[in-house]
């Protein structure tokens, strides 16, 4: 349920960014370290939003995978302890 709410929220924010960008057809200048370019505001907003989303998703995925691996290792240790305890009780 949480992931569904998060997905809907991200989709709404993306749609809001697109609506905001569509209403602003200005040309903005982006300066890089060695170059500069002129782009329409909706394109800049969409790219920046998408890059931010992807970076956040990558960081969150790293922590989720790390937690899942830790949980799996803890479950394995718990099963070993429970198996040993049941053997000690039987003996």
PDB file of N, CA and C in Angstrom:
ATOM      1  N   UNK A   1       0.818  -1.193   0.000  1.00  0.00           N
ATOM      2  CA  UNK A   1       0.000   0.000   0.000  1.00  0.00           C
ATOM      3  C   UNK A   1       0.862   1.257   0.000  1.00  0.00           C
ATOM      4  N   UNK A   2       1.965   1.196   0.771  1.00  0.00           N
ATOM      5  CA  UNK A   2       2.855   2.347   0.828  1.00  0.00           C
ATOM      6  C   UNK A   2       3.457   2.654  -0.540  1.00  0.00           C
ATOM      7  N   UNK A   3       3.873   1.601  -1.232  1.00  0.00           N
ATOM      8  CA  UNK A   3       4.506   1.819  -2.529  1.00  0.00           C
ATOM      9  C   UNK A   3       3.506   2.372  -3.540  1.00  0.00           C
ATOM     10  N   UNK A   4       2.249   1.964  -3.439  1.00  0.00           N
ATOM     11  CA  UNK A   4       1.230   2.493  -4.340  1.00  0.00           C
ATOM     12  C   UNK A   4       1.024   3.984  -4.086  1.00  0.00           C
ATOM     13  N   UNK A   5       0.937   4.372  -2.823  1.00  0.00           N
ATOM     14  CA  UNK A   5       0.755   5.791  -2.477  1.00  0.00           C
ATOM     15  C   UNK A   5       1.963   6.598  -2.934  1.00  0.00           C
ATOM     16  N   UNK A   6       3.152   6.051  -2.736  1.00  0.00           N
ATOM     17  CA  UNK A   6       4.370   6.752  -3.162  1.00  0.00           C
ATOM     18  C   UNK A   6       4.408   6.905  -4.680  1.00  0.00           C
ATOM     19  N   UNK A   7       4.007   5.862  -5.401  1.00  0.00           N
ATOM     20  CA  UNK A   7       3.994   5.928  -6.860  1.00  0.00           C
ATOM     21  C   UNK A   7       2.999   6.964  -7.354  1.00  0.00           C
ATOM     22  N   UNK A   8       1.825   6.999  -6.747  1.00  0.00           N
ATOM     23  CA  UNK A   8       0.811   7.992  -7.135  1.00  0.00           C
ATOM     24  C   UNK A   8       1.318   9.393  -6.833  1.00  0.00           C
ATOM     25  N   UNK A   9       1.960   9.581  -5.687  1.00  0.00           N
ATOM     26  CA  UNK A   9       2.491  10.900  -5.322  1.00  0.00           C
ATOM     27  C   UNK A   9       3.565  11.358  -6.305  1.00  0.00           C
ATOM     28  N   UNK A  10       4.450  10.462  -6.679  1.00  0.00           N
ATOM     29  CA  UNK A  10       5.506  10.809  -7.642  1.00  0.00           C
ATOM     30  C   UNK A  10       4.892  11.141  -8.998  1.00  0.00           C
ATOM     31  N   UNK A  11       3.906  10.373  -9.416  1.00  0.00           N
ATOM     32  CA  UNK A  11       3.241  10.639 -10.694  1.00  0.00           C
ATOM     33  C   UNK A  11       2.547  12.007 -10.664  1.00  0.00           C
ATOM     34  N   UNK A  12       1.898  12.324  -9.554  1.00  0.00           N
ATOM     35  CA  UNK A  12       1.243  13.634  -9.441  1.00  0.00           C
ATOM     36  C   UNK A  12       2.258  14.771  -9.469  1.00  0.00           C
ATOM     37  N   UNK A  13       3.377  14.585  -8.803  1.00  0.00           N
ATOM     38  CA  UNK A  13       4.419  15.621  -8.838  1.00  0.00           C
ATOM     39  C   UNK A  13       4.985  15.793 -10.238  1.00  0.00           C
ATOM     40  N   UNK A  14       5.159  14.686 -10.946  1.00  0.00           N
ATOM     41  CA  UNK A  14       5.667  14.767 -12.313  1.00  0.00           C
ATOM     42  C   UNK A  14       4.665  15.488 -13.214  1.00  0.00           C
ATOM     43  N   UNK A  15       3.385  15.159 -13.060  1.00  0.00           N
ATOM     44  CA  UNK A  15       2.346  15.829 -13.859  1.00  0.00           C
ATOM     45  C   UNK A  15       2.303  17.318 -13.524  1.00  0.00           C
ATOM     46  N   UNK A  16       2.429  17.648 -12.234  1.00  0.00           N
ATOM     47  CA  UNK A  16       2.452  19.049 -11.824  1.00  0.00           C
ATOM     48  C   UNK A  16       3.638  19.782 -12.445  1.00  0.00           C
ATOM     49  N   UNK A  17       4.781  19.135 -12.466  1.00  0.00           N
ATOM     50  CA  UNK A  17       5.965  19.747 -13.090  1.00  0.00           C
ATOM     51  C   UNK A  17       5.749  19.953 -14.589  1.00  0.00           C
ATOM     52  N   UNK A  18       5.122  18.992 -15.248  1.00  0.00           N
ATOM     53  CA  UNK A  18       4.852  19.138 -16.683  1.00  0.00           C
ATOM     54  C   UNK A  18       3.859  20.268 -16.953  1.00  0.00           C
ATOM     55  N   UNK A  19       2.822  20.372 -16.118  1.00  0.00           N
ATOM     56  CA  UNK A  19       1.841  21.455 -16.292  1.00  0.00           C
ATOM     57  C   UNK A  19       2.515  22.806 -16.074  1.00  0.00           C
ATOM     58  N   UNK A  20       3.333  22.892 -15.042  1.00  0.00           N
ATOM     59  CA  UNK A  20       4.047  24.135 -14.779  1.00  0.00           C
ATOM     60  C   UNK A  20       4.967  24.477 -15.945  1.00  0.00           C
ATOM     61  N   UNK A  21       5.642  23.469 -16.461  1.00  0.00           N
ATOM     62  CA  UNK A  21       6.546  23.711 -17.577  1.00  0.00           C
ATOM     63  C   UNK A  21       5.819  24.075 -18.851  1.00  0.00           C
ATOM     64  N   UNK A  22       4.651  23.488 -19.070  1.00  0.00           N
ATOM     65  CA  UNK A  22       3.896  23.781 -20.286  1.00  0.00           C
ATOM     66  C   UNK A  22       3.377  25.211 -20.285  1.00  0.00           C
ATOM     67  N   UNK A  23       3.151  25.750 -19.116  1.00  0.00           N
ATOM     68  CA  UNK A  23       2.651  27.123 -19.013  1.00  0.00           C
ATOM     69  C   UNK A  23       3.785  28.143 -19.125  1.00  0.00           C
ATOM     70  N   UNK A  24       5.022  27.691 -19.090  1.00  0.00           N
ATOM     71  CA  UNK A  24       6.180  28.580 -19.145  1.00  0.00           C
ATOM     72  C   UNK A  24       7.062  28.186 -20.322  1.00  0.00           C
ATOM     73  N   UNK A  25       6.851  28.804 -21.436  1.00  0.00           N
ATOM     74  CA  UNK A  25       7.608  28.472 -22.648  1.00  0.00           C
ATOM     75  C   UNK A  25       8.862  29.323 -22.803  1.00  0.00           C
ATOM     76  N   UNK A  26       9.403  29.772 -21.706  1.00  0.00           N
ATOM     77  CA  UNK A  26      10.589  30.619 -21.770  1.00  0.00           C
ATOM     78  C   UNK A  26      11.818  29.787 -22.122  1.00  0.00           C
ATOM     79  N   UNK A  27      12.809  30.458 -22.657  1.00  0.00           N
ATOM     80  CA  UNK A  27      14.086  29.823 -22.955  1.00  0.00           C
ATOM     81  C   UNK A  27      15.049  30.216 -21.850  1.00  0.00           C
ATOM     82  N   UNK A  28      15.685  29.214 -21.246  1.00  0.00           N
ATOM     83  CA  UNK A  28      16.638  29.475 -20.168  1.00  0.00           C
ATOM     84  C   UNK A  28      18.032  29.065 -20.626  1.00  0.00           C
ATOM     85  N   UNK A  29      19.023  29.726 -20.073  1.00  0.00           N
ATOM     86  CA  UNK A  29      20.414  29.437 -20.401  1.00  0.00           C
ATOM     87  C   UNK A  29      21.017  28.605 -19.284  1.00  0.00           C
ATOM     88  N   UNK A  30      21.561  27.471 -19.647  1.00  0.00           N
ATOM     89  CA  UNK A  30      22.223  26.578 -18.700  1.00  0.00           C
ATOM     90  C   UNK A  30      23.716  26.650 -18.988  1.00  0.00           C
ATOM     91  N   UNK A  31      24.509  27.015 -17.963  1.00  0.00           N
ATOM     92  CA  UNK A  31      25.961  27.098 -18.116  1.00  0.00           C
ATOM     93  C   UNK A  31      26.606  25.857 -17.522  1.00  0.00           C
ATOM     94  N   UNK A  32      27.391  25.163 -18.344  1.00  0.00           N
ATOM     95  CA  UNK A  32      28.142  24.005 -17.894  1.00  0.00           C
ATOM     96  C   UNK A  32      29.535  24.472 -17.523  1.00  0.00           C
ATOM     97  N   UNK A  33      30.402  23.533 -17.167  1.00  0.00           N
ATOM     98  CA  UNK A  33      31.769  23.908 -16.843  1.00  0.00           C
ATOM     99  C   UNK A  33      32.508  24.432 -18.063  1.00  0.00           C
ATOM    100  N   UNK A  34      32.269  23.825 -19.219  1.00  0.00           N
ATOM    101  CA  UNK A  34      33.017  24.211 -20.417  1.00  0.00           C
ATOM    102  C   UNK A  34      32.119  24.733 -21.529  1.00  0.00           C
ATOM    103  N   UNK A  35      30.829  24.679 -21.346  1.00  0.00           N
ATOM    104  CA  UNK A  35      29.922  25.099 -22.416  1.00  0.00           C
ATOM    105  C   UNK A  35      28.664  25.718 -21.809  1.00  0.00           C
ATOM    106  N   UNK A  36      27.788  26.138 -22.692  1.00  0.00           N
ATOM    107  CA  UNK A  36      26.506  26.683 -22.255  1.00  0.00           C
ATOM    108  C   UNK A  36      25.492  26.412 -23.343  1.00  0.00           C
ATOM    109  N   UNK A  37      24.245  26.266 -22.919  1.00  0.00           N
ATOM    110  CA  UNK A  37      23.204  25.966 -23.885  1.00  0.00           C
ATOM    111  C   UNK A  37      21.909  26.653 -23.506  1.00  0.00           C
ATOM    112  N   UNK A  38      21.062  26.842 -24.488  1.00  0.00           N
ATOM    113  CA  UNK A  38      19.751  27.445 -24.262  1.00  0.00           C
ATOM    114  C   UNK A  38      18.684  26.396 -24.515  1.00  0.00           C
ATOM    115  N   UNK A  39      17.848  26.178 -23.511  1.00  0.00           N
ATOM    116  CA  UNK A  39      16.808  25.156 -23.571  1.00  0.00           C
ATOM    117  C   UNK A  39      15.482  25.752 -23.129  1.00  0.00           C
ATOM    118  N   UNK A  40      14.393  25.109 -23.552  1.00  0.00           N
ATOM    119  CA  UNK A  40      13.075  25.542 -23.099  1.00  0.00           C
ATOM    120  C   UNK A  40      12.880  25.092 -21.653  1.00  0.00           C
ATOM    121  N   UNK A  41      12.166  25.880 -20.888  1.00  0.00           N
ATOM    122  CA  UNK A  41      11.965  25.604 -19.471  1.00  0.00           C
ATOM    123  C   UNK A  41      11.304  24.253 -19.207  1.00  0.00           C
ATOM    124  N   UNK A  42      10.284  23.827 -19.970  1.00  0.00           N
ATOM    125  CA  UNK A  42       9.693  22.510 -19.687  1.00  0.00           C
ATOM    126  C   UNK A  42      10.694  21.363 -19.816  1.00  0.00           C
ATOM    127  N   UNK A  43      11.592  21.465 -20.761  1.00  0.00           N
ATOM    128  CA  UNK A  43      12.593  20.415 -20.950  1.00  0.00           C
ATOM    129  C   UNK A  43      13.537  20.377 -19.756  1.00  0.00           C
ATOM    130  N   UNK A  44      13.979  21.530 -19.308  1.00  0.00           N
ATOM    131  CA  UNK A  44      14.884  21.605 -18.161  1.00  0.00           C
ATOM    132  C   UNK A  44      14.203  21.046 -16.916  1.00  0.00           C
ATOM    133  N   UNK A  45      12.946  21.435 -16.693  1.00  0.00           N
ATOM    134  CA  UNK A  45      12.222  20.942 -15.515  1.00  0.00           C
ATOM    135  C   UNK A  45      12.039  19.433 -15.561  1.00  0.00           C
ATOM    136  N   UNK A  46      11.670  18.903 -16.697  1.00  0.00           N
ATOM    137  CA  UNK A  46      11.465  17.459 -16.820  1.00  0.00           C
ATOM    138  C   UNK A  46      12.768  16.695 -16.594  1.00  0.00           C
ATOM    139  N   UNK A  47      13.856  17.169 -17.166  1.00  0.00           N
ATOM    140  CA  UNK A  47      15.144  16.489 -17.019  1.00  0.00           C
ATOM    141  C   UNK A  47      15.620  16.538 -15.570  1.00  0.00           C
ATOM    142  N   UNK A  48      15.517  17.697 -14.952  1.00  0.00           N
ATOM    143  CA  UNK A  48      15.973  17.833 -13.565  1.00  0.00           C
ATOM    144  C   UNK A  48      15.120  16.968 -12.636  1.00  0.00           C
ATOM    145  N   UNK A  49      13.811  16.960 -12.836  1.00  0.00           N
ATOM    146  CA  UNK A  49      12.933  16.138 -12.015  1.00  0.00           C
ATOM    147  C   UNK A  49      13.256  14.655 -12.198  1.00  0.00           C
ATOM    148  N   UNK A  50      13.433  14.227 -13.425  1.00  0.00           N
ATOM    149  CA  UNK A  50      13.727  12.824 -13.704  1.00  0.00           C
ATOM    150  C   UNK A  50      15.064  12.403 -13.112  1.00  0.00           C
ATOM    151  N   UNK A  51      16.089  13.225 -13.254  1.00  0.00           N
ATOM    152  CA  UNK A  51      17.411  12.897 -12.709  1.00  0.00           C
ATOM    153  C   UNK A  51      17.344  12.818 -11.181  1.00  0.00           C
ATOM    154  N   UNK A  52      16.653  13.755 -10.562  1.00  0.00           N
ATOM    155  CA  UNK A  52      16.488  13.713  -9.111  1.00  0.00           C
ATOM    156  C   UNK A  52      15.743  12.475  -8.659  1.00  0.00           C
ATOM    157  N   UNK A  53      14.702  12.102  -9.385  1.00  0.00           N
ATOM    158  CA  UNK A  53      13.940  10.894  -9.063  1.00  0.00           C
ATOM    159  C   UNK A  53      14.817   9.661  -9.175  1.00  0.00           C
ATOM    160  N   UNK A  54      15.587   9.556 -10.253  1.00  0.00           N
ATOM    161  CA  UNK A  54      16.434   8.386 -10.459  1.00  0.00           C
ATOM    162  C   UNK A  54      17.519   8.291  -9.377  1.00  0.00           C
ATOM    163  N   UNK A  55      18.130   9.413  -9.012  1.00  0.00           N
ATOM    164  CA  UNK A  55      19.147   9.384  -7.966  1.00  0.00           C
ATOM    165  C   UNK A  55      18.537   8.957  -6.634  1.00  0.00           C
ATOM    166  N   UNK A  56      17.379   9.489  -6.316  1.00  0.00           N
ATOM    167  CA  UNK A  56      16.700   9.104  -5.074  1.00  0.00           C
ATOM    168  C   UNK A  56      16.330   7.630  -5.100  1.00  0.00           C
ATOM    169  N   UNK A  57      15.862   7.140  -6.241  1.00  0.00           N
ATOM    170  CA  UNK A  57      15.488   5.744  -6.368  1.00  0.00           C
ATOM    171  C   UNK A  57      16.703   4.837  -6.191  1.00  0.00           C
ATOM    172  N   UNK A  58      17.839   5.227  -6.749  1.00  0.00           N
ATOM    173  CA  UNK A  58      19.051   4.424  -6.609  1.00  0.00           C
ATOM    174  C   UNK A  58      19.514   4.355  -5.158  1.00  0.00           C
ATOM    175  N   UNK A  59      19.500   5.482  -4.471  1.00  0.00           N
ATOM    176  CA  UNK A  59      19.914   5.504  -3.067  1.00  0.00           C
ATOM    177  C   UNK A  59      18.956   4.676  -2.224  1.00  0.00           C
ATOM    178  N   UNK A  60      17.659   4.844  -2.436  1.00  0.00           N
ATOM    179  CA  UNK A  60      16.668   4.068  -1.682  1.00  0.00           C
ATOM    180  C   UNK A  60      16.806   2.583  -1.978  1.00  0.00           C
ATOM    181  N   UNK A  61      17.054   2.220  -3.215  1.00  0.00           N
ATOM    182  CA  UNK A  61      17.209   0.808  -3.584  1.00  0.00           C
ATOM    183  C   UNK A  61      18.418   0.197  -2.887  1.00  0.00           C
ATOM    184  N   UNK A  62      19.493   0.949  -2.791  1.00  0.00           N
ATOM    185  CA  UNK A  62      20.690   0.471  -2.092  1.00  0.00           C
ATOM    186  C   UNK A  62      20.345   0.123  -0.639  1.00  0.00           C
ATOM    187  N   UNK A  63      19.669   1.028   0.051  1.00  0.00           N
ATOM    188  CA  UNK A  63      19.324   0.778   1.447  1.00  0.00           C
ATOM    189  C   UNK A  63      18.305  -0.354   1.597  1.00  0.00           C
ATOM    190  N   UNK A  64      17.375  -0.459   0.690  1.00  0.00           N
ATOM    191  CA  UNK A  64      16.389  -1.541   0.755  1.00  0.00           C
ATOM    192  C   UNK A  64      17.063  -2.895   0.558  1.00  0.00           C
ATOM    193  N   UNK A  65      17.940  -2.997  -0.416  1.00  0.00           N
ATOM    194  CA  UNK A  65      18.655  -4.254  -0.661  1.00  0.00           C
ATOM    195  C   UNK A  65      19.528  -4.604   0.538  1.00  0.00           C
ATOM    196  N   UNK A  66      20.193  -3.619   1.092  1.00  0.00           N
ATOM    197  CA  UNK A  66      21.039  -3.857   2.263  1.00  0.00           C
ATOM    198  C   UNK A  66      20.212  -4.371   3.440  1.00  0.00           C
ATOM    199  N   UNK A  67      19.048  -3.782   3.671  1.00  0.00           N
ATOM    200  CA  UNK A  67      18.178  -4.241   4.749  1.00  0.00           C
ATOM    201  C   UNK A  67      17.645  -5.650   4.494  1.00  0.00           C
ATOM    202  N   UNK A  68      17.291  -5.944   3.250  1.00  0.00           N
ATOM    203  CA  UNK A  68      16.797  -7.289   2.927  1.00  0.00           C
ATOM    204  C   UNK A  68      17.885  -8.340   3.133  1.00  0.00           C
ATOM    205  N   UNK A  69      19.112  -8.033   2.749  1.00  0.00           N
ATOM    206  CA  UNK A  69      20.213  -8.969   2.968  1.00  0.00           C
ATOM    207  C   UNK A  69      20.471  -9.171   4.457  1.00  0.00           C
ATOM    208  N   UNK A  70      20.416  -8.104   5.215  1.00  0.00           N
ATOM    209  CA  UNK A  70      20.600  -8.204   6.660  1.00  0.00           C
ATOM    210  C   UNK A  70      19.488  -9.027   7.294  1.00  0.00           C
ATOM    211  N   UNK A  71      18.260  -8.832   6.846  1.00  0.00           N
ATOM    212  CA  UNK A  71      17.128  -9.604   7.354  1.00  0.00           C
ATOM    213  C   UNK A  71      17.277 -11.083   7.025  1.00  0.00           C
ATOM    214  N   UNK A  72      17.713 -11.383   5.811  1.00  0.00           N
ATOM    215  CA  UNK A  72      17.905 -12.780   5.422  1.00  0.00           C
ATOM    216  C   UNK A  72      18.989 -13.435   6.280  1.00  0.00           C
ATOM    217  N   UNK A  73      20.082 -12.718   6.542  1.00  0.00           N
ATOM    218  CA  UNK A  73      21.152 -13.272   7.376  1.00  0.00           C
ATOM    219  C   UNK A  73      20.660 -13.485   8.807  1.00  0.00           C
ATOM    220  N   UNK A  74      19.883 -12.565   9.320  1.00  0.00           N
ATOM    221  CA  UNK A  74      19.350 -12.693  10.676  1.00  0.00           C
ATOM    222  C   UNK A  74      18.372 -13.862  10.766  1.00  0.00           C
ATOM    223  N   UNK A  75      17.526 -14.044   9.762  1.00  0.00           N
ATOM    224  CA  UNK A  75      16.600 -15.184   9.752  1.00  0.00           C
ATOM    225  C   UNK A  75      17.367 -16.504   9.718  1.00  0.00           C
ATOM    226  N   UNK A  76      18.455 -16.552   8.940  1.00  0.00           N
ATOM    227  CA  UNK A  76      19.258 -17.758   8.854  1.00  0.00           C
ATOM    228  C   UNK A  76      19.872 -18.090  10.216  1.00  0.00           C
ATOM    229  N   UNK A  77      20.409 -17.061  10.896  1.00  0.00           N
ATOM    230  CA  UNK A  77      20.979 -17.273  12.228  1.00  0.00           C
ATOM    231  C   UNK A  77      19.913 -17.717  13.218  1.00  0.00           C
ATOM    232  N   UNK A  78      18.729 -17.118  13.141  1.00  0.00           N
ATOM    233  CA  UNK A  78      17.636 -17.491  14.031  1.00  0.00           C
ATOM    234  C   UNK A  78      17.221 -18.939  13.816  1.00  0.00           C
ATOM    235  N   UNK A  79      17.124 -19.357  12.564  1.00  0.00           N
ATOM    236  CA  UNK A  79      16.774 -20.750  12.273  1.00  0.00           C
ATOM    237  C   UNK A  79      17.838 -21.711  12.799  1.00  0.00           C
ATOM    238  N   UNK A  80      19.108 -21.326  12.707  1.00  0.00           N
ATOM    239  CA  UNK A  80      20.175 -22.168  13.235  1.00  0.00           C
ATOM    240  C   UNK A  80      20.078 -22.281  14.754  1.00  0.00           C
ATOM    241  N   UNK A  81      19.817 -21.167  15.419  1.00  0.00           N
ATOM    242  CA  UNK A  81      19.690 -21.177  16.879  1.00  0.00           C
ATOM    243  C   UNK A  81      18.483 -22.002  17.306  1.00  0.00           C
ATOM    244  N   UNK A  82      17.364 -21.836  16.589  1.00  0.00           N
ATOM    245  CA  UNK A  82      16.161 -22.608  16.929  1.00  0.00           C
ATOM    246  C   UNK A  82      16.370 -24.096  16.693  1.00  0.00           C
ATOM    247  N   UNK A  83      17.074 -24.449  15.619  1.00  0.00           N
ATOM    248  CA  UNK A  83      17.356 -25.849  15.340  1.00  0.00           C
ATOM    249  C   UNK A  83      18.252 -26.444  16.421  1.00  0.00           C
ATOM    250  N   UNK A  84      19.236 -25.681  16.845  1.00  0.00           N
ATOM    251  CA  UNK A  84      20.146 -26.161  17.887  1.00  0.00           C
ATOM    252  C   UNK A  84      19.403 -26.292  19.213  1.00  0.00           C
ATOM    253  N   UNK A  85      18.513 -25.343  19.504  1.00  0.00           N
ATOM    254  CA  UNK A  85      17.752 -25.392  20.746  1.00  0.00           C
ATOM    255  C   UNK A  85      16.811 -26.597  20.760  1.00  0.00           C
ATOM    256  N   UNK A  86      16.185 -26.895  19.637  1.00  0.00           N
ATOM    257  CA  UNK A  86      15.300 -28.050  19.578  1.00  0.00           C
ATOM    258  C   UNK A  86      16.075 -29.355  19.705  1.00  0.00           C
ATOM    259  N   UNK A  87      17.307 -29.396  19.185  1.00  0.00           N
ATOM    260  CA  UNK A  87      18.149 -30.584  19.344  1.00  0.00           C
ATOM    261  C   UNK A  87      18.567 -30.758  20.810  1.00  0.00           C
ATOM    262  N   UNK A  88      18.867 -29.662  21.487  1.00  0.00           N
ATOM    263  CA  UNK A  88      19.266 -29.728  22.893  1.00  0.00           C
ATOM    264  C   UNK A  88      18.097 -30.184  23.764  1.00  0.00           C
ATOM    265  N   UNK A  89      16.883 -29.761  23.409  1.00  0.00           N
ATOM    266  CA  UNK A  89      15.698 -30.156  24.182  1.00  0.00           C
ATOM    267  C   UNK A  89      15.419 -31.643  23.973  1.00  0.00           C
ATOM    268  N   UNK A  90      15.578 -32.122  22.739  1.00  0.00           N
ATOM    269  CA  UNK A  90      15.324 -33.528  22.435  1.00  0.00           C
ATOM    270  C   UNK A  90      16.345 -34.451  23.096  1.00  0.00           C
ATOM    271  N   UNK A  91      17.563 -33.969  23.270  1.00  0.00           N
ATOM    272  CA  UNK A  91      18.636 -34.820  23.811  1.00  0.00           C
ATOM    273  C   UNK A  91      18.602 -34.940  25.292  1.00  0.00           C
TER     274      UNK A  91
END
